[in-house]
Amino acid sequence: MAKSKKRKPQQQKPKVTPVESSAEATVSEGEEQSVSVATTSVATPAKKTEKPKAAKPKAAPTVTKKRSRLMFFVDAFNELRKAHWPGRKETARLSVLVFTVCVVVGAILGGLDFLFTKLMGLVLFGG
């Protein structure tokens, strides 16, 4: 039994049409000007016909019910329940770190304040 082979329809090749143009224009008072355009080949692709799209029915605007102001607190509480809370050891370690950074920055700013106060006293009041 011989199998029948179906052939795919061949696609149409775009038509190539040569375009030739040359023009000469004469300007008054005896001057002559010429313009020429070189021969070019322009490929014109086969046009595809577009099917008209069916109009989609417009959906009615959705009206949302205004939420109560207390829902904000309910949502905030629910988000806090989802948060990752550190354990006791990690909380103690981070608290000590924050306290240490605050003391160091406070000491630096206090030292700069003391230095600038003495410097301005010398410059403005002469010692």
C-alpha atoms as a PDB file:
ATOM      1  CA  MET A   1       0.000   0.000   0.000  1.00  0.00           C
ATOM      2  CA  ALA A   2       1.519   3.286  -1.026  1.00  0.00           C
ATOM      3  CA  LYS A   3       1.403   6.203   1.331  1.00  0.00           C
ATOM      4  CA  SER A   4       0.136   9.429  -0.097  1.00  0.00           C
ATOM      5  CA  LYS A   5       2.226  12.434   0.641  1.00  0.00           C
ATOM      6  CA  LYS A   6       0.523  15.747   1.080  1.00  0.00           C
ATOM      7  CA  ARG A   7       2.420  18.683  -0.259  1.00  0.00           C
ATOM      8  CA  LYS A   8       2.473  22.000   1.475  1.00  0.00           C
ATOM      9  CA  PRO A   9       1.255  24.832  -0.677  1.00  0.00           C
ATOM     10  CA  GLN A  10       4.139  26.870  -1.976  1.00  0.00           C
ATOM     11  CA  GLN A  11       4.418  30.386  -0.718  1.00  0.00           C
ATOM     12  CA  GLN A  12       4.278  33.056  -3.332  1.00  0.00           C
ATOM     13  CA  LYS A  13       7.550  34.804  -3.898  1.00  0.00           C
ATOM     14  CA  PRO A  14       7.400  38.581  -3.729  1.00  0.00           C
ATOM     15  CA  LYS A  15       7.247  40.234  -7.102  1.00  0.00           C
ATOM     16  CA  VAL A  16      10.238  42.307  -8.095  1.00  0.00           C
ATOM     17  CA  THR A  17       9.467  45.313 -10.197  1.00  0.00           C
ATOM     18  CA  PRO A  18      12.222  47.551 -11.519  1.00  0.00           C
ATOM     19  CA  VAL A  19      11.705  51.244 -11.020  1.00  0.00           C
ATOM     20  CA  GLU A  20      13.400  53.575 -13.418  1.00  0.00           C
ATOM     21  CA  SER A  21      13.126  57.300 -13.340  1.00  0.00           C
ATOM     22  CA  SER A  22      15.032  60.175 -14.778  1.00  0.00           C
ATOM     23  CA  ALA A  23      13.928  63.733 -14.928  1.00  0.00           C
ATOM     24  CA  GLU A  24      15.286  66.877 -16.410  1.00  0.00           C
ATOM     25  CA  ALA A  25      14.192  70.310 -15.338  1.00  0.00           C
ATOM     26  CA  THR A  26      14.906  73.500 -17.192  1.00  0.00           C
ATOM     27  CA  VAL A  27      15.393  76.671 -15.215  1.00  0.00           C
ATOM     28  CA  SER A  28      14.626  80.006 -16.757  1.00  0.00           C
ATOM     29  CA  GLU A  29      17.389  82.330 -17.971  1.00  0.00           C
ATOM     30  CA  GLY A  30      19.207  79.619 -19.845  1.00  0.00           C
ATOM     31  CA  GLU A  31      20.467  77.534 -16.902  1.00  0.00           C
ATOM     32  CA  GLU A  32      19.885  73.838 -17.168  1.00  0.00           C
ATOM     33  CA  GLN A  33      19.698  71.431 -14.244  1.00  0.00           C
ATOM     34  CA  SER A  34      19.331  67.658 -14.506  1.00  0.00           C
ATOM     35  CA  VAL A  35      18.352  65.111 -11.910  1.00  0.00           C
ATOM     36  CA  SER A  36      18.608  61.395 -12.456  1.00  0.00           C
ATOM     37  CA  VAL A  37      17.588  58.521 -10.240  1.00  0.00           C
ATOM     38  CA  ALA A  38      19.371  55.192 -10.493  1.00  0.00           C
ATOM     39  CA  THR A  39      17.524  52.024 -11.410  1.00  0.00           C
ATOM     40  CA  THR A  40      16.390  50.144  -8.335  1.00  0.00           C
ATOM     41  CA  SER A  41      14.561  46.927  -7.678  1.00  0.00           C
ATOM     42  CA  VAL A  42      11.794  47.041  -5.131  1.00  0.00           C
ATOM     43  CA  ALA A  43      10.374  43.843  -3.680  1.00  0.00           C
ATOM     44  CA  THR A  44       6.675  44.100  -2.944  1.00  0.00           C
ATOM     45  CA  PRO A  45       5.503  41.494  -0.464  1.00  0.00           C
ATOM     46  CA  ALA A  46       2.208  39.768  -0.989  1.00  0.00           C
ATOM     47  CA  LYS A  47      -0.572  41.533   0.888  1.00  0.00           C
ATOM     48  CA  LYS A  48      -2.365  39.626   3.573  1.00  0.00           C
ATOM     49  CA  THR A  49      -6.024  40.269   4.032  1.00  0.00           C
ATOM     50  CA  GLU A  50      -6.954  41.039   7.609  1.00  0.00           C
ATOM     51  CA  LYS A  51     -10.140  39.690   9.041  1.00  0.00           C
ATOM     52  CA  PRO A  52     -12.277  42.245  10.802  1.00  0.00           C
ATOM     53  CA  LYS A  53     -12.135  41.796  14.542  1.00  0.00           C
ATOM     54  CA  ALA A  54     -15.333  41.125  16.375  1.00  0.00           C
ATOM     55  CA  ALA A  55     -16.319  43.917  18.713  1.00  0.00           C
ATOM     56  CA  LYS A  56     -15.942  42.930  22.332  1.00  0.00           C
ATOM     57  CA  PRO A  57     -18.774  43.911  24.586  1.00  0.00           C
ATOM     58  CA  LYS A  58     -17.688  46.503  27.115  1.00  0.00           C
ATOM     59  CA  ALA A  59     -17.813  45.284  30.674  1.00  0.00           C
ATOM     60  CA  ALA A  60     -19.815  47.282  33.127  1.00  0.00           C
ATOM     61  CA  PRO A  61     -17.633  49.289  35.514  1.00  0.00           C
ATOM     62  CA  THR A  62     -17.062  47.447  38.733  1.00  0.00           C
ATOM     63  CA  VAL A  63     -18.226  49.214  41.835  1.00  0.00           C
ATOM     64  CA  THR A  64     -16.128  48.428  44.862  1.00  0.00           C
ATOM     65  CA  LYS A  65     -17.592  48.646  48.290  1.00  0.00           C
ATOM     66  CA  LYS A  66     -15.814  51.156  50.506  1.00  0.00           C
ATOM     67  CA  ARG A  67     -13.927  49.388  53.273  1.00  0.00           C
ATOM     68  CA  SER A  68     -14.309  50.465  56.849  1.00  0.00           C
ATOM     69  CA  ARG A  69     -11.494  52.308  58.586  1.00  0.00           C
ATOM     70  CA  LEU A  70     -11.099  49.504  61.083  1.00  0.00           C
ATOM     71  CA  MET A  71     -10.078  47.110  58.290  1.00  0.00           C
ATOM     72  CA  PHE A  72      -6.736  48.928  58.167  1.00  0.00           C
ATOM     73  CA  PHE A  73      -5.924  47.716  61.665  1.00  0.00           C
ATOM     74  CA  VAL A  74      -7.107  44.190  60.886  1.00  0.00           C
ATOM     75  CA  ASP A  75      -4.869  44.101  57.788  1.00  0.00           C
ATOM     76  CA  ALA A  76      -1.920  45.536  59.722  1.00  0.00           C
ATOM     77  CA  PHE A  77      -2.340  42.911  62.444  1.00  0.00           C
ATOM     78  CA  ASN A  78      -2.473  40.136  59.840  1.00  0.00           C
ATOM     79  CA  GLU A  79       0.715  41.426  58.191  1.00  0.00           C
ATOM     80  CA  LEU A  80       2.483  41.522  61.566  1.00  0.00           C
ATOM     81  CA  ARG A  81       1.571  37.881  62.107  1.00  0.00           C
ATOM     82  CA  LYS A  82       3.280  37.006  58.798  1.00  0.00           C
ATOM     83  CA  ALA A  83       6.518  38.798  59.751  1.00  0.00           C
ATOM     84  CA  HIS A  84       9.646  36.924  60.830  1.00  0.00           C
ATOM     85  CA  TRP A  85      10.338  37.743  64.457  1.00  0.00           C
ATOM     86  CA  PRO A  86      13.877  37.176  65.823  1.00  0.00           C
ATOM     87  CA  GLY A  87      14.481  34.898  68.777  1.00  0.00           C
ATOM     88  CA  ARG A  88      15.618  35.971  72.262  1.00  0.00           C
ATOM     89  CA  LYS A  89      19.372  35.588  71.562  1.00  0.00           C
ATOM     90  CA  GLU A  90      19.255  37.457  68.277  1.00  0.00           C
ATOM     91  CA  THR A  91      17.192  40.268  69.839  1.00  0.00           C
ATOM     92  CA  ALA A  92      19.712  40.665  72.697  1.00  0.00           C
ATOM     93  CA  ARG A  93      22.681  40.663  70.293  1.00  0.00           C
ATOM     94  CA  LEU A  94      21.108  43.270  67.981  1.00  0.00           C
ATOM     95  CA  SER A  95      20.109  45.465  70.952  1.00  0.00           C
ATOM     96  CA  VAL A  96      23.701  45.480  72.234  1.00  0.00           C
ATOM     97  CA  LEU A  97      24.909  46.340  68.736  1.00  0.00           C
ATOM     98  CA  VAL A  98      22.505  49.289  68.443  1.00  0.00           C
ATOM     99  CA  PHE A  99      23.473  50.567  71.911  1.00  0.00           C
ATOM    100  CA  THR A 100      27.190  50.341  71.068  1.00  0.00           C
ATOM    101  CA  VAL A 101      26.773  52.197  67.758  1.00  0.00           C
ATOM    102  CA  CYS A 102      24.762  54.935  69.517  1.00  0.00           C
ATOM    103  CA  VAL A 103      27.471  55.406  72.177  1.00  0.00           C
ATOM    104  CA  VAL A 104      30.276  55.543  69.571  1.00  0.00           C
ATOM    105  CA  VAL A 105      28.458  58.019  67.303  1.00  0.00           C
ATOM    106  CA  GLY A 106      27.478  60.130  70.341  1.00  0.00           C
ATOM    107  CA  ALA A 107      31.107  60.248  71.507  1.00  0.00           C
ATOM    108  CA  ILE A 108      32.313  61.293  68.037  1.00  0.00           C
ATOM    109  CA  LEU A 109      29.700  64.040  67.711  1.00  0.00           C
ATOM    110  CA  GLY A 110      30.343  65.236  71.286  1.00  0.00           C
ATOM    111  CA  GLY A 111      34.088  65.430  70.603  1.00  0.00           C
ATOM    112  CA  LEU A 112      33.534  67.392  67.388  1.00  0.00           C
ATOM    113  CA  ASP A 113      31.137  69.746  69.187  1.00  0.00           C
ATOM    114  CA  PHE A 114      33.673  70.359  71.969  1.00  0.00           C
ATOM    115  CA  LEU A 115      36.453  70.934  69.391  1.00  0.00           C
ATOM    116  CA  PHE A 116      34.440  73.405  67.312  1.00  0.00           C
ATOM    117  CA  THR A 117      33.268  75.257  70.453  1.00  0.00           C
ATOM    118  CA  LYS A 118      36.877  75.808  71.576  1.00  0.00           C
ATOM    119  CA  LEU A 119      37.947  76.766  68.018  1.00  0.00           C
ATOM    120  CA  MET A 120      35.160  79.348  67.634  1.00  0.00           C
ATOM    121  CA  GLY A 121      35.986  80.757  71.086  1.00  0.00           C
ATOM    122  CA  LEU A 122      39.584  81.320  70.018  1.00  0.00           C
ATOM    123  CA  VAL A 123      38.646  82.859  66.647  1.00  0.00           C
ATOM    124  CA  LEU A 124      35.819  85.132  67.830  1.00  0.00           C
ATOM    125  CA  PHE A 125      36.930  86.123  71.309  1.00  0.00           C
ATOM    126  CA  GLY A 126      40.694  85.870  70.893  1.00  0.00           C
ATOM    127  CA  GLY A 127      41.413  83.380  73.581  1.00  0.00           C
END
